[in-house]
Amino acid sequence: MPARDTFSMAIVILSQVMFPGVVSTVSVSPKSAAASARIAVAQDHSLVFALERHDRQPATVVTTGRVLEMTDTYDGWTLVVAGIQRAHMLNCHHQGQALVGQFRYAADAEETIPPLLIEEAWALASELSAMVRESASPWGLPQSPTPLSYWIAAHVPLSAPTQQELLEIASTRGRLAKEISLMRTLLDGLRTEHSG
């Protein structure tokens, strides 16, 4: 956990959820994110990524990230971003055209995670990957609980609001338990489709 209590960073509002430890490709339009992305590029390429809520405001639990690549497209930019850490937004304001916020880092609560919980999450994610991927190569599933929980949240086909709920869970144990329930439901549906 960083020594400083709060930090200020430019915000990019997205229609998808970013997760710590996951590299994602996102599309941003000039209106919503160009100014914030320019601030990040001018500084150290770090940004905060927030899901856009129904009221068009940013979600208050967000992920810090680093821009790895930035490509111009005909209607905006495509960014390749590495998620770094969860954070809570304390407030936000416009700085010129950019949206900038004040944040506090949010580490997962430390608690004992039963090995059976980790094993079940890993097994369900492996089975799900085999059913939804066209290629035979398996997903590279992390072995450690916290990276595994974020990986599942990012790669299992879930709605953005459900992914945001997972990001907001403050413990790895709680996140894995919720993901196991979601994956069981998804797999039940896929098994029914494949058997029909």
N, C-alpha and C. Protein backbone atom coordinates (compact mmCIF):
# COMPACT_ATOMS: atom_id res chain seq x y z
N MET A 1 0.86 -1.18 0.00
CA MET A 1 0.00 0.00 0.00
C MET A 1 0.90 1.24 0.00
N PRO A 2 0.63 2.19 -0.92
CA PRO A 2 1.45 3.39 -0.98
C PRO A 2 1.38 4.18 0.32
N ALA A 3 2.45 4.93 0.59
CA ALA A 3 2.54 5.68 1.84
C ALA A 3 1.54 6.83 1.86
N ARG A 4 1.33 7.46 0.71
CA ARG A 4 0.42 8.61 0.72
C ARG A 4 -1.01 8.14 0.90
N ASP A 5 -1.79 8.96 1.57
CA ASP A 5 -3.16 8.59 1.90
C ASP A 5 -4.10 8.77 0.71
N THR A 6 -3.99 9.89 0.02
CA THR A 6 -4.84 10.16 -1.14
C THR A 6 -3.97 10.59 -2.31
N PHE A 7 -4.56 10.53 -3.50
CA PHE A 7 -3.83 10.96 -4.69
C PHE A 7 -4.82 11.54 -5.69
N SER A 8 -4.31 12.34 -6.60
CA SER A 8 -5.12 12.97 -7.63
C SER A 8 -4.70 12.41 -8.98
N MET A 9 -5.68 12.10 -9.84
CA MET A 9 -5.36 11.52 -11.14
C MET A 9 -6.48 11.79 -12.13
N ALA A 10 -6.14 11.88 -13.41
CA ALA A 10 -7.14 12.08 -14.46
C ALA A 10 -7.98 10.81 -14.59
N ILE A 11 -9.26 11.01 -14.95
CA ILE A 11 -10.22 9.91 -15.04
C ILE A 11 -10.66 9.72 -16.49
N VAL A 12 -10.72 8.47 -16.90
CA VAL A 12 -11.35 8.11 -18.18
C VAL A 12 -12.58 7.29 -17.84
N ILE A 13 -13.74 7.74 -18.31
CA ILE A 13 -14.99 7.02 -18.07
C ILE A 13 -15.22 6.06 -19.23
N LEU A 14 -15.48 4.80 -18.91
CA LEU A 14 -15.62 3.75 -19.91
C LEU A 14 -16.97 3.05 -19.81
N SER A 15 -17.29 2.29 -20.83
CA SER A 15 -18.50 1.45 -20.80
C SER A 15 -18.17 0.04 -20.34
N GLN A 16 -16.90 -0.20 -19.97
CA GLN A 16 -16.48 -1.50 -19.46
C GLN A 16 -15.69 -1.29 -18.18
N VAL A 17 -15.47 -2.37 -17.43
CA VAL A 17 -14.77 -2.29 -16.14
C VAL A 17 -13.34 -2.77 -16.32
N MET A 18 -12.41 -2.00 -15.77
CA MET A 18 -11.00 -2.39 -15.75
C MET A 18 -10.71 -3.06 -14.41
N PHE A 19 -9.79 -4.05 -14.41
CA PHE A 19 -9.43 -4.75 -13.19
C PHE A 19 -7.93 -4.73 -12.96
N PRO A 20 -7.50 -4.69 -11.69
CA PRO A 20 -6.07 -4.75 -11.39
C PRO A 20 -5.44 -6.03 -11.93
N GLY A 21 -4.23 -5.90 -12.44
CA GLY A 21 -3.48 -7.06 -12.91
C GLY A 21 -3.91 -7.58 -14.27
N VAL A 22 -4.83 -6.89 -14.93
CA VAL A 22 -5.35 -7.35 -16.22
C VAL A 22 -5.01 -6.32 -17.29
N VAL A 23 -4.50 -6.79 -18.44
CA VAL A 23 -4.25 -5.91 -19.58
C VAL A 23 -5.47 -5.96 -20.48
N SER A 24 -6.01 -4.79 -20.81
CA SER A 24 -7.22 -4.70 -21.63
C SER A 24 -7.03 -3.68 -22.74
N THR A 25 -7.79 -3.86 -23.82
CA THR A 25 -7.84 -2.88 -24.90
C THR A 25 -9.17 -2.17 -24.79
N VAL A 26 -9.12 -0.84 -24.74
CA VAL A 26 -10.35 -0.05 -24.61
C VAL A 26 -10.39 1.01 -25.70
N SER A 27 -11.59 1.33 -26.13
CA SER A 27 -11.80 2.41 -27.09
C SER A 27 -12.33 3.61 -26.34
N VAL A 28 -11.79 4.77 -26.64
CA VAL A 28 -12.28 6.00 -26.01
C VAL A 28 -12.55 7.02 -27.10
N SER A 29 -13.58 7.83 -26.90
CA SER A 29 -13.92 8.86 -27.87
C SER A 29 -13.30 10.18 -27.42
N PRO A 30 -13.03 11.05 -28.37
CA PRO A 30 -12.41 12.34 -28.01
C PRO A 30 -13.22 13.12 -26.98
N LYS A 31 -14.55 13.10 -27.10
CA LYS A 31 -15.37 13.89 -26.18
C LYS A 31 -15.20 13.44 -24.73
N SER A 32 -15.19 12.13 -24.53
CA SER A 32 -15.21 11.64 -23.15
C SER A 32 -13.85 11.50 -22.51
N ALA A 33 -12.80 11.33 -23.30
CA ALA A 33 -11.55 10.95 -22.67
C ALA A 33 -10.28 11.57 -23.22
N ALA A 34 -10.36 12.30 -24.31
CA ALA A 34 -9.13 12.79 -24.93
C ALA A 34 -8.32 13.67 -23.99
N ALA A 35 -8.98 14.58 -23.28
CA ALA A 35 -8.25 15.50 -22.40
C ALA A 35 -7.58 14.74 -21.26
N SER A 36 -8.30 13.78 -20.66
CA SER A 36 -7.71 12.99 -19.57
C SER A 36 -6.55 12.15 -20.08
N ALA A 37 -6.72 11.54 -21.25
CA ALA A 37 -5.64 10.72 -21.81
C ALA A 37 -4.41 11.58 -22.13
N ARG A 38 -4.64 12.79 -22.60
CA ARG A 38 -3.50 13.68 -22.89
C ARG A 38 -2.73 14.03 -21.61
N ILE A 39 -3.45 14.26 -20.52
CA ILE A 39 -2.78 14.53 -19.24
C ILE A 39 -1.92 13.34 -18.86
N ALA A 40 -2.47 12.13 -19.00
CA ALA A 40 -1.72 10.93 -18.63
C ALA A 40 -0.47 10.77 -19.46
N VAL A 41 -0.60 10.99 -20.77
CA VAL A 41 0.55 10.84 -21.65
C VAL A 41 1.61 11.89 -21.34
N ALA A 42 1.18 13.10 -21.01
CA ALA A 42 2.12 14.18 -20.69
C ALA A 42 2.85 13.91 -19.38
N GLN A 43 2.21 13.15 -18.47
CA GLN A 43 2.83 12.88 -17.19
C GLN A 43 3.51 11.51 -17.23
N ASP A 44 2.89 10.50 -16.65
CA ASP A 44 3.55 9.18 -16.62
C ASP A 44 2.69 8.07 -17.18
N HIS A 45 1.69 8.43 -17.97
CA HIS A 45 0.79 7.48 -18.62
C HIS A 45 -0.17 6.79 -17.65
N SER A 46 -0.32 7.29 -16.42
CA SER A 46 -1.25 6.69 -15.46
C SER A 46 -2.59 7.41 -15.51
N LEU A 47 -3.65 6.63 -15.37
CA LEU A 47 -5.01 7.14 -15.37
C LEU A 47 -5.83 6.36 -14.38
N VAL A 48 -7.03 6.87 -14.09
CA VAL A 48 -8.02 6.10 -13.36
C VAL A 48 -9.13 5.77 -14.34
N PHE A 49 -9.54 4.51 -14.35
CA PHE A 49 -10.60 4.06 -15.25
C PHE A 49 -11.84 3.77 -14.43
N ALA A 50 -12.95 4.41 -14.82
CA ALA A 50 -14.21 4.28 -14.08
C ALA A 50 -15.32 3.89 -15.03
N LEU A 51 -16.17 2.98 -14.58
CA LEU A 51 -17.35 2.61 -15.35
C LEU A 51 -18.33 3.77 -15.32
N GLU A 52 -18.96 4.06 -16.45
CA GLU A 52 -20.00 5.09 -16.50
C GLU A 52 -21.30 4.51 -15.94
N ARG A 53 -21.82 5.15 -14.90
CA ARG A 53 -23.08 4.71 -14.30
C ARG A 53 -24.26 5.16 -15.17
N HIS A 54 -25.47 4.72 -14.78
CA HIS A 54 -26.68 5.08 -15.53
C HIS A 54 -26.92 6.59 -15.53
N ASP A 55 -26.47 7.28 -14.48
CA ASP A 55 -26.65 8.73 -14.42
C ASP A 55 -25.52 9.49 -15.13
N ARG A 56 -24.70 8.74 -15.89
CA ARG A 56 -23.58 9.28 -16.69
C ARG A 56 -22.42 9.79 -15.84
N GLN A 57 -22.45 9.50 -14.55
CA GLN A 57 -21.36 9.84 -13.65
C GLN A 57 -20.41 8.64 -13.52
N PRO A 58 -19.15 8.87 -13.13
CA PRO A 58 -18.24 7.74 -12.95
C PRO A 58 -18.58 6.95 -11.69
N ALA A 59 -18.38 5.63 -11.76
CA ALA A 59 -18.53 4.79 -10.56
C ALA A 59 -17.52 5.24 -9.52
N THR A 60 -17.80 4.99 -8.25
CA THR A 60 -16.90 5.48 -7.20
C THR A 60 -15.81 4.48 -6.82
N VAL A 61 -15.95 3.21 -7.21
CA VAL A 61 -14.85 2.25 -7.05
C VAL A 61 -14.26 2.06 -8.43
N VAL A 62 -12.97 2.33 -8.56
CA VAL A 62 -12.31 2.44 -9.85
C VAL A 62 -11.01 1.62 -9.84
N THR A 63 -10.35 1.61 -10.99
CA THR A 63 -9.05 0.94 -11.10
C THR A 63 -8.04 1.91 -11.68
N THR A 64 -6.91 2.04 -11.02
CA THR A 64 -5.82 2.83 -11.60
C THR A 64 -5.17 1.97 -12.68
N GLY A 65 -4.62 2.63 -13.67
CA GLY A 65 -3.99 1.88 -14.76
C GLY A 65 -2.92 2.68 -15.46
N ARG A 66 -2.15 1.99 -16.23
CA ARG A 66 -1.08 2.62 -17.01
C ARG A 66 -1.33 2.36 -18.48
N VAL A 67 -1.20 3.40 -19.29
CA VAL A 67 -1.37 3.28 -20.74
C VAL A 67 -0.10 2.65 -21.31
N LEU A 68 -0.26 1.49 -21.97
CA LEU A 68 0.88 0.81 -22.59
C LEU A 68 1.04 1.19 -24.05
N GLU A 69 -0.09 1.36 -24.73
CA GLU A 69 -0.09 1.76 -26.14
C GLU A 69 -1.27 2.67 -26.39
N MET A 70 -1.11 3.55 -27.36
CA MET A 70 -2.18 4.49 -27.69
C MET A 70 -2.20 4.64 -29.21
N THR A 71 -3.33 4.34 -29.83
CA THR A 71 -3.45 4.39 -31.29
C THR A 71 -4.62 5.27 -31.67
N ASP A 72 -4.40 6.18 -32.63
CA ASP A 72 -5.49 7.00 -33.15
C ASP A 72 -6.40 6.14 -34.01
N THR A 73 -7.72 6.33 -33.86
CA THR A 73 -8.69 5.69 -34.74
C THR A 73 -9.53 6.79 -35.36
N TYR A 74 -10.40 6.45 -36.31
CA TYR A 74 -11.17 7.47 -37.00
C TYR A 74 -12.14 8.21 -36.07
N ASP A 75 -12.55 7.57 -34.96
CA ASP A 75 -13.51 8.23 -34.07
C ASP A 75 -13.01 8.38 -32.64
N GLY A 76 -11.72 8.24 -32.41
CA GLY A 76 -11.17 8.39 -31.06
C GLY A 76 -9.82 7.74 -30.93
N TRP A 77 -9.61 7.08 -29.81
CA TRP A 77 -8.35 6.39 -29.55
C TRP A 77 -8.62 4.98 -29.08
N THR A 78 -7.66 4.11 -29.36
CA THR A 78 -7.66 2.77 -28.79
C THR A 78 -6.48 2.72 -27.83
N LEU A 79 -6.74 2.36 -26.58
CA LEU A 79 -5.69 2.28 -25.57
C LEU A 79 -5.50 0.83 -25.14
N VAL A 80 -4.25 0.42 -25.00
CA VAL A 80 -3.94 -0.84 -24.34
C VAL A 80 -3.49 -0.45 -22.95
N VAL A 81 -4.20 -0.95 -21.94
CA VAL A 81 -4.01 -0.48 -20.58
C VAL A 81 -3.77 -1.64 -19.63
N ALA A 82 -2.85 -1.47 -18.69
CA ALA A 82 -2.63 -2.45 -17.63
C ALA A 82 -3.27 -1.92 -16.35
N GLY A 83 -4.23 -2.66 -15.81
CA GLY A 83 -4.85 -2.27 -14.55
C GLY A 83 -3.86 -2.47 -13.41
N ILE A 84 -3.85 -1.56 -12.44
CA ILE A 84 -2.86 -1.63 -11.36
C ILE A 84 -3.52 -1.91 -10.01
N GLN A 85 -4.42 -1.03 -9.54
CA GLN A 85 -4.97 -1.20 -8.20
C GLN A 85 -6.36 -0.59 -8.08
N ARG A 86 -7.17 -1.18 -7.19
CA ARG A 86 -8.49 -0.61 -6.88
C ARG A 86 -8.32 0.67 -6.09
N ALA A 87 -9.29 1.57 -6.28
CA ALA A 87 -9.28 2.82 -5.51
C ALA A 87 -10.72 3.29 -5.32
N HIS A 88 -10.93 4.12 -4.29
CA HIS A 88 -12.23 4.75 -4.03
C HIS A 88 -12.11 6.22 -4.43
N MET A 89 -13.08 6.70 -5.19
CA MET A 89 -13.10 8.11 -5.56
C MET A 89 -13.73 8.92 -4.44
N LEU A 90 -13.03 9.94 -3.99
CA LEU A 90 -13.53 10.83 -2.94
C LEU A 90 -14.32 11.98 -3.54
N ASN A 91 -13.85 12.51 -4.67
CA ASN A 91 -14.54 13.58 -5.39
C ASN A 91 -13.93 13.70 -6.77
N CYS A 92 -14.60 14.43 -7.65
CA CYS A 92 -14.03 14.69 -8.98
C CYS A 92 -14.50 16.06 -9.47
N HIS A 93 -13.74 16.64 -10.38
CA HIS A 93 -14.05 17.94 -10.93
C HIS A 93 -13.41 18.06 -12.31
N HIS A 94 -13.90 19.03 -13.06
CA HIS A 94 -13.32 19.28 -14.38
C HIS A 94 -12.11 20.19 -14.24
N GLN A 95 -11.06 19.83 -14.92
CA GLN A 95 -9.85 20.66 -14.98
C GLN A 95 -9.65 20.94 -16.46
N GLY A 96 -10.14 22.09 -16.92
CA GLY A 96 -10.22 22.33 -18.36
C GLY A 96 -11.26 21.36 -18.91
N GLN A 97 -10.90 20.60 -19.93
CA GLN A 97 -11.82 19.60 -20.48
C GLN A 97 -11.65 18.24 -19.82
N ALA A 98 -10.59 18.07 -19.04
CA ALA A 98 -10.33 16.78 -18.41
C ALA A 98 -11.12 16.63 -17.12
N LEU A 99 -11.42 15.39 -16.78
CA LEU A 99 -12.05 15.07 -15.51
C LEU A 99 -10.95 14.53 -14.60
N VAL A 100 -10.80 15.16 -13.42
CA VAL A 100 -9.75 14.79 -12.48
C VAL A 100 -10.40 14.47 -11.14
N GLY A 101 -9.90 13.46 -10.46
CA GLY A 101 -10.48 13.08 -9.19
C GLY A 101 -9.46 12.94 -8.08
N GLN A 102 -9.98 12.93 -6.86
CA GLN A 102 -9.18 12.66 -5.66
C GLN A 102 -9.55 11.26 -5.22
N PHE A 103 -8.55 10.42 -4.92
CA PHE A 103 -8.78 9.00 -4.65
C PHE A 103 -8.02 8.52 -3.43
N ARG A 104 -8.48 7.39 -2.91
CA ARG A 104 -7.77 6.67 -1.85
C ARG A 104 -7.64 5.22 -2.33
N TYR A 105 -6.43 4.66 -2.21
CA TYR A 105 -6.23 3.26 -2.61
C TYR A 105 -7.09 2.34 -1.75
N ALA A 106 -7.54 1.24 -2.34
CA ALA A 106 -8.42 0.28 -1.66
C ALA A 106 -7.86 -1.13 -1.84
N ALA A 107 -7.05 -1.55 -0.90
CA ALA A 107 -6.49 -2.90 -0.96
C ALA A 107 -7.55 -3.91 -0.53
N ASP A 108 -7.44 -5.14 -1.04
CA ASP A 108 -8.36 -6.19 -0.60
C ASP A 108 -8.13 -6.49 0.87
N ALA A 109 -9.20 -6.77 1.59
CA ALA A 109 -9.08 -7.13 3.00
C ALA A 109 -8.28 -8.42 3.12
N GLU A 110 -7.40 -8.46 4.11
CA GLU A 110 -6.60 -9.66 4.32
C GLU A 110 -7.39 -10.64 5.15
N GLU A 111 -7.56 -11.84 4.63
CA GLU A 111 -8.28 -12.89 5.34
C GLU A 111 -7.86 -14.24 4.79
N THR A 112 -8.11 -15.27 5.55
CA THR A 112 -7.77 -16.61 5.12
C THR A 112 -8.75 -17.06 4.05
N ILE A 113 -8.20 -17.60 2.98
CA ILE A 113 -9.04 -18.09 1.88
C ILE A 113 -8.90 -19.61 1.84
N PRO A 114 -9.99 -20.34 2.03
CA PRO A 114 -9.90 -21.80 2.02
C PRO A 114 -9.38 -22.32 0.68
N PRO A 115 -8.43 -23.26 0.72
CA PRO A 115 -7.89 -23.81 -0.53
C PRO A 115 -8.98 -24.38 -1.44
N LEU A 116 -10.04 -24.97 -0.86
CA LEU A 116 -11.12 -25.52 -1.69
C LEU A 116 -11.84 -24.44 -2.49
N LEU A 117 -11.95 -23.24 -1.93
CA LEU A 117 -12.58 -22.13 -2.64
C LEU A 117 -11.75 -21.76 -3.87
N ILE A 118 -10.45 -21.67 -3.68
CA ILE A 118 -9.54 -21.34 -4.79
C ILE A 118 -9.60 -22.43 -5.85
N GLU A 119 -9.55 -23.69 -5.41
CA GLU A 119 -9.57 -24.81 -6.35
C GLU A 119 -10.86 -24.84 -7.16
N GLU A 120 -12.00 -24.59 -6.51
CA GLU A 120 -13.27 -24.60 -7.23
C GLU A 120 -13.34 -23.46 -8.23
N ALA A 121 -12.90 -22.27 -7.82
CA ALA A 121 -12.92 -21.13 -8.75
C ALA A 121 -12.04 -21.42 -9.96
N TRP A 122 -10.87 -21.98 -9.72
CA TRP A 122 -9.94 -22.28 -10.80
C TRP A 122 -10.53 -23.34 -11.72
N ALA A 123 -11.13 -24.38 -11.17
CA ALA A 123 -11.71 -25.46 -11.96
C ALA A 123 -12.88 -24.96 -12.81
N LEU A 124 -13.76 -24.16 -12.20
CA LEU A 124 -14.91 -23.64 -12.95
C LEU A 124 -14.45 -22.70 -14.08
N ALA A 125 -13.46 -21.85 -13.80
CA ALA A 125 -12.94 -20.96 -14.83
C ALA A 125 -12.29 -21.75 -15.96
N SER A 126 -11.59 -22.83 -15.63
CA SER A 126 -10.98 -23.69 -16.66
C SER A 126 -12.04 -24.34 -17.53
N GLU A 127 -13.09 -24.87 -16.89
CA GLU A 127 -14.17 -25.51 -17.65
C GLU A 127 -14.89 -24.50 -18.53
N LEU A 128 -15.15 -23.32 -17.99
CA LEU A 128 -15.82 -22.29 -18.75
C LEU A 128 -14.98 -21.86 -19.96
N SER A 129 -13.66 -21.73 -19.75
CA SER A 129 -12.79 -21.33 -20.85
C SER A 129 -12.81 -22.36 -21.96
N ALA A 130 -12.85 -23.64 -21.60
CA ALA A 130 -12.88 -24.70 -22.61
C ALA A 130 -14.18 -24.67 -23.41
N MET A 131 -15.27 -24.22 -22.78
CA MET A 131 -16.57 -24.20 -23.47
C MET A 131 -16.77 -22.97 -24.35
N VAL A 132 -16.15 -21.83 -23.99
CA VAL A 132 -16.42 -20.60 -24.74
C VAL A 132 -15.31 -20.22 -25.71
N ARG A 133 -14.14 -20.80 -25.57
CA ARG A 133 -13.04 -20.47 -26.50
C ARG A 133 -13.07 -21.42 -27.69
N GLU A 134 -12.80 -20.85 -28.88
CA GLU A 134 -12.78 -21.68 -30.08
C GLU A 134 -11.46 -22.42 -30.21
N SER A 135 -10.37 -21.81 -29.76
CA SER A 135 -9.07 -22.48 -29.88
C SER A 135 -8.89 -23.46 -28.74
N ALA A 136 -7.98 -24.39 -28.93
CA ALA A 136 -7.75 -25.42 -27.91
C ALA A 136 -6.83 -24.93 -26.80
N SER A 137 -6.13 -23.80 -27.04
CA SER A 137 -5.18 -23.33 -26.03
C SER A 137 -5.93 -22.80 -24.81
N PRO A 138 -5.54 -23.21 -23.59
CA PRO A 138 -6.25 -22.78 -22.39
C PRO A 138 -5.92 -21.34 -22.04
N TRP A 139 -6.83 -20.70 -21.32
CA TRP A 139 -6.54 -19.38 -20.77
C TRP A 139 -5.42 -19.54 -19.75
N GLY A 140 -4.58 -18.54 -19.62
CA GLY A 140 -3.52 -18.57 -18.62
C GLY A 140 -4.05 -18.13 -17.27
N LEU A 141 -4.63 -19.05 -16.54
CA LEU A 141 -5.25 -18.71 -15.25
C LEU A 141 -4.20 -18.48 -14.17
N PRO A 142 -4.27 -17.37 -13.45
CA PRO A 142 -3.35 -17.15 -12.33
C PRO A 142 -3.58 -18.18 -11.23
N GLN A 143 -2.55 -18.47 -10.47
CA GLN A 143 -2.65 -19.44 -9.37
C GLN A 143 -2.98 -18.77 -8.03
N SER A 144 -2.54 -17.53 -7.86
CA SER A 144 -2.76 -16.82 -6.59
C SER A 144 -4.20 -16.31 -6.51
N PRO A 145 -4.80 -16.31 -5.31
CA PRO A 145 -6.23 -15.99 -5.17
C PRO A 145 -6.65 -14.61 -5.68
N THR A 146 -5.94 -13.55 -5.29
CA THR A 146 -6.39 -12.21 -5.68
C THR A 146 -6.28 -12.00 -7.19
N PRO A 147 -5.12 -12.31 -7.82
CA PRO A 147 -5.07 -12.19 -9.28
C PRO A 147 -6.09 -13.08 -9.98
N LEU A 148 -6.34 -14.27 -9.43
CA LEU A 148 -7.34 -15.16 -10.02
C LEU A 148 -8.73 -14.51 -9.97
N SER A 149 -9.07 -13.89 -8.84
CA SER A 149 -10.40 -13.27 -8.71
C SER A 149 -10.58 -12.14 -9.72
N TYR A 150 -9.54 -11.34 -9.93
CA TYR A 150 -9.65 -10.26 -10.90
C TYR A 150 -9.67 -10.79 -12.33
N TRP A 151 -8.89 -11.84 -12.58
CA TRP A 151 -8.84 -12.44 -13.91
C TRP A 151 -10.23 -12.98 -14.28
N ILE A 152 -10.86 -13.70 -13.37
CA ILE A 152 -12.20 -14.25 -13.62
C ILE A 152 -13.18 -13.10 -13.90
N ALA A 153 -13.13 -12.06 -13.09
CA ALA A 153 -14.05 -10.93 -13.26
C ALA A 153 -13.89 -10.28 -14.63
N ALA A 154 -12.66 -10.24 -15.13
CA ALA A 154 -12.39 -9.60 -16.41
C ALA A 154 -12.70 -10.49 -17.61
N HIS A 155 -12.55 -11.81 -17.47
CA HIS A 155 -12.63 -12.69 -18.64
C HIS A 155 -13.90 -13.52 -18.76
N VAL A 156 -14.62 -13.71 -17.68
CA VAL A 156 -15.88 -14.46 -17.76
C VAL A 156 -16.92 -13.53 -18.38
N PRO A 157 -17.76 -14.03 -19.31
CA PRO A 157 -18.73 -13.15 -19.96
C PRO A 157 -19.84 -12.68 -19.01
N LEU A 158 -19.63 -11.48 -18.45
CA LEU A 158 -20.57 -10.89 -17.49
C LEU A 158 -20.91 -9.48 -17.94
N SER A 159 -22.05 -8.98 -17.51
CA SER A 159 -22.43 -7.60 -17.83
C SER A 159 -21.51 -6.63 -17.08
N ALA A 160 -21.42 -5.41 -17.61
CA ALA A 160 -20.60 -4.39 -16.94
C ALA A 160 -21.08 -4.10 -15.51
N PRO A 161 -22.40 -4.00 -15.26
CA PRO A 161 -22.83 -3.78 -13.87
C PRO A 161 -22.42 -4.92 -12.93
N THR A 162 -22.47 -6.16 -13.42
CA THR A 162 -22.04 -7.30 -12.59
C THR A 162 -20.55 -7.23 -12.34
N GLN A 163 -19.78 -6.88 -13.37
CA GLN A 163 -18.33 -6.72 -13.19
C GLN A 163 -18.04 -5.62 -12.17
N GLN A 164 -18.80 -4.53 -12.21
CA GLN A 164 -18.59 -3.45 -11.25
C GLN A 164 -18.88 -3.94 -9.83
N GLU A 165 -19.92 -4.74 -9.66
CA GLU A 165 -20.22 -5.32 -8.35
C GLU A 165 -19.03 -6.12 -7.84
N LEU A 166 -18.40 -6.89 -8.72
CA LEU A 166 -17.24 -7.69 -8.33
C LEU A 166 -16.06 -6.80 -7.94
N LEU A 167 -15.85 -5.73 -8.70
CA LEU A 167 -14.76 -4.80 -8.37
C LEU A 167 -14.99 -4.17 -7.00
N GLU A 168 -16.24 -3.94 -6.64
CA GLU A 168 -16.55 -3.27 -5.38
C GLU A 168 -16.47 -4.19 -4.17
N ILE A 169 -16.41 -5.51 -4.37
CA ILE A 169 -16.27 -6.42 -3.23
C ILE A 169 -14.89 -6.22 -2.62
N ALA A 170 -14.85 -5.98 -1.33
CA ALA A 170 -13.61 -5.55 -0.67
C ALA A 170 -12.70 -6.69 -0.24
N SER A 171 -13.08 -7.94 -0.53
CA SER A 171 -12.21 -9.06 -0.14
C SER A 171 -12.11 -10.07 -1.27
N THR A 172 -10.95 -10.67 -1.40
CA THR A 172 -10.74 -11.71 -2.41
C THR A 172 -11.66 -12.89 -2.15
N ARG A 173 -11.80 -13.27 -0.88
CA ARG A 173 -12.67 -14.39 -0.53
C ARG A 173 -14.11 -14.15 -0.98
N GLY A 174 -14.63 -12.96 -0.70
CA GLY A 174 -15.99 -12.62 -1.10
C GLY A 174 -16.15 -12.57 -2.61
N ARG A 175 -15.13 -12.03 -3.30
CA ARG A 175 -15.18 -11.94 -4.76
C ARG A 175 -15.19 -13.34 -5.38
N LEU A 176 -14.31 -14.22 -4.90
CA LEU A 176 -14.25 -15.58 -5.44
C LEU A 176 -15.56 -16.32 -5.20
N ALA A 177 -16.14 -16.16 -4.02
CA ALA A 177 -17.41 -16.84 -3.71
C ALA A 177 -18.52 -16.38 -4.66
N LYS A 178 -18.59 -15.09 -4.91
CA LYS A 178 -19.60 -14.56 -5.84
C LYS A 178 -19.33 -15.07 -7.25
N GLU A 179 -18.06 -15.11 -7.66
CA GLU A 179 -17.72 -15.57 -9.00
C GLU A 179 -18.05 -17.04 -9.19
N ILE A 180 -17.84 -17.85 -8.16
CA ILE A 180 -18.19 -19.27 -8.24
C ILE A 180 -19.68 -19.41 -8.52
N SER A 181 -20.50 -18.66 -7.81
CA SER A 181 -21.96 -18.70 -8.02
C SER A 181 -22.31 -18.29 -9.44
N LEU A 182 -21.70 -17.21 -9.94
CA LEU A 182 -21.97 -16.74 -11.30
C LEU A 182 -21.52 -17.76 -12.34
N MET A 183 -20.33 -18.36 -12.13
CA MET A 183 -19.83 -19.33 -13.11
C MET A 183 -20.66 -20.60 -13.12
N ARG A 184 -21.15 -21.03 -11.96
CA ARG A 184 -22.03 -22.22 -11.92
C ARG A 184 -23.27 -21.97 -12.79
N THR A 185 -23.87 -20.78 -12.64
CA THR A 185 -25.07 -20.45 -13.42
C THR A 185 -24.75 -20.43 -14.91
N LEU A 186 -23.63 -19.79 -15.28
CA LEU A 186 -23.24 -19.73 -16.69
C LEU A 186 -22.99 -21.13 -17.25
N LEU A 187 -22.28 -21.94 -16.50
CA LEU A 187 -21.97 -23.29 -16.96
C LEU A 187 -23.21 -24.16 -17.08
N ASP A 188 -24.16 -24.02 -16.17
CA ASP A 188 -25.42 -24.76 -16.27
C ASP A 188 -26.12 -24.43 -17.59
N GLY A 189 -26.15 -23.15 -17.94
CA GLY A 189 -26.76 -22.74 -19.21
C GLY A 189 -26.02 -23.28 -20.41
N LEU A 190 -24.68 -23.22 -20.38
CA LEU A 190 -23.88 -23.72 -21.50
C LEU A 190 -24.01 -25.23 -21.65
N ARG A 191 -24.04 -25.94 -20.53
CA ARG A 191 -24.20 -27.41 -20.60
C ARG A 191 -25.54 -27.77 -21.22
N THR A 192 -26.58 -27.02 -20.85
CA THR A 192 -27.92 -27.27 -21.41
C THR A 192 -27.91 -27.03 -22.93
N GLU A 193 -27.25 -25.94 -23.36
CA GLU A 193 -27.16 -25.64 -24.79
C GLU A 193 -26.42 -26.75 -25.53
N HIS A 194 -25.31 -27.22 -24.96
CA HIS A 194 -24.49 -28.23 -25.63
C HIS A 194 -25.17 -29.60 -25.65
N SER A 195 -26.03 -29.88 -24.68
CA SER A 195 -26.68 -31.18 -24.63
C SER A 195 -27.95 -31.21 -25.49
N GLY A 196 -28.45 -30.02 -25.86
CA GLY A 196 -29.70 -29.94 -26.61
C GLY A 196 -29.55 -30.18 -28.08
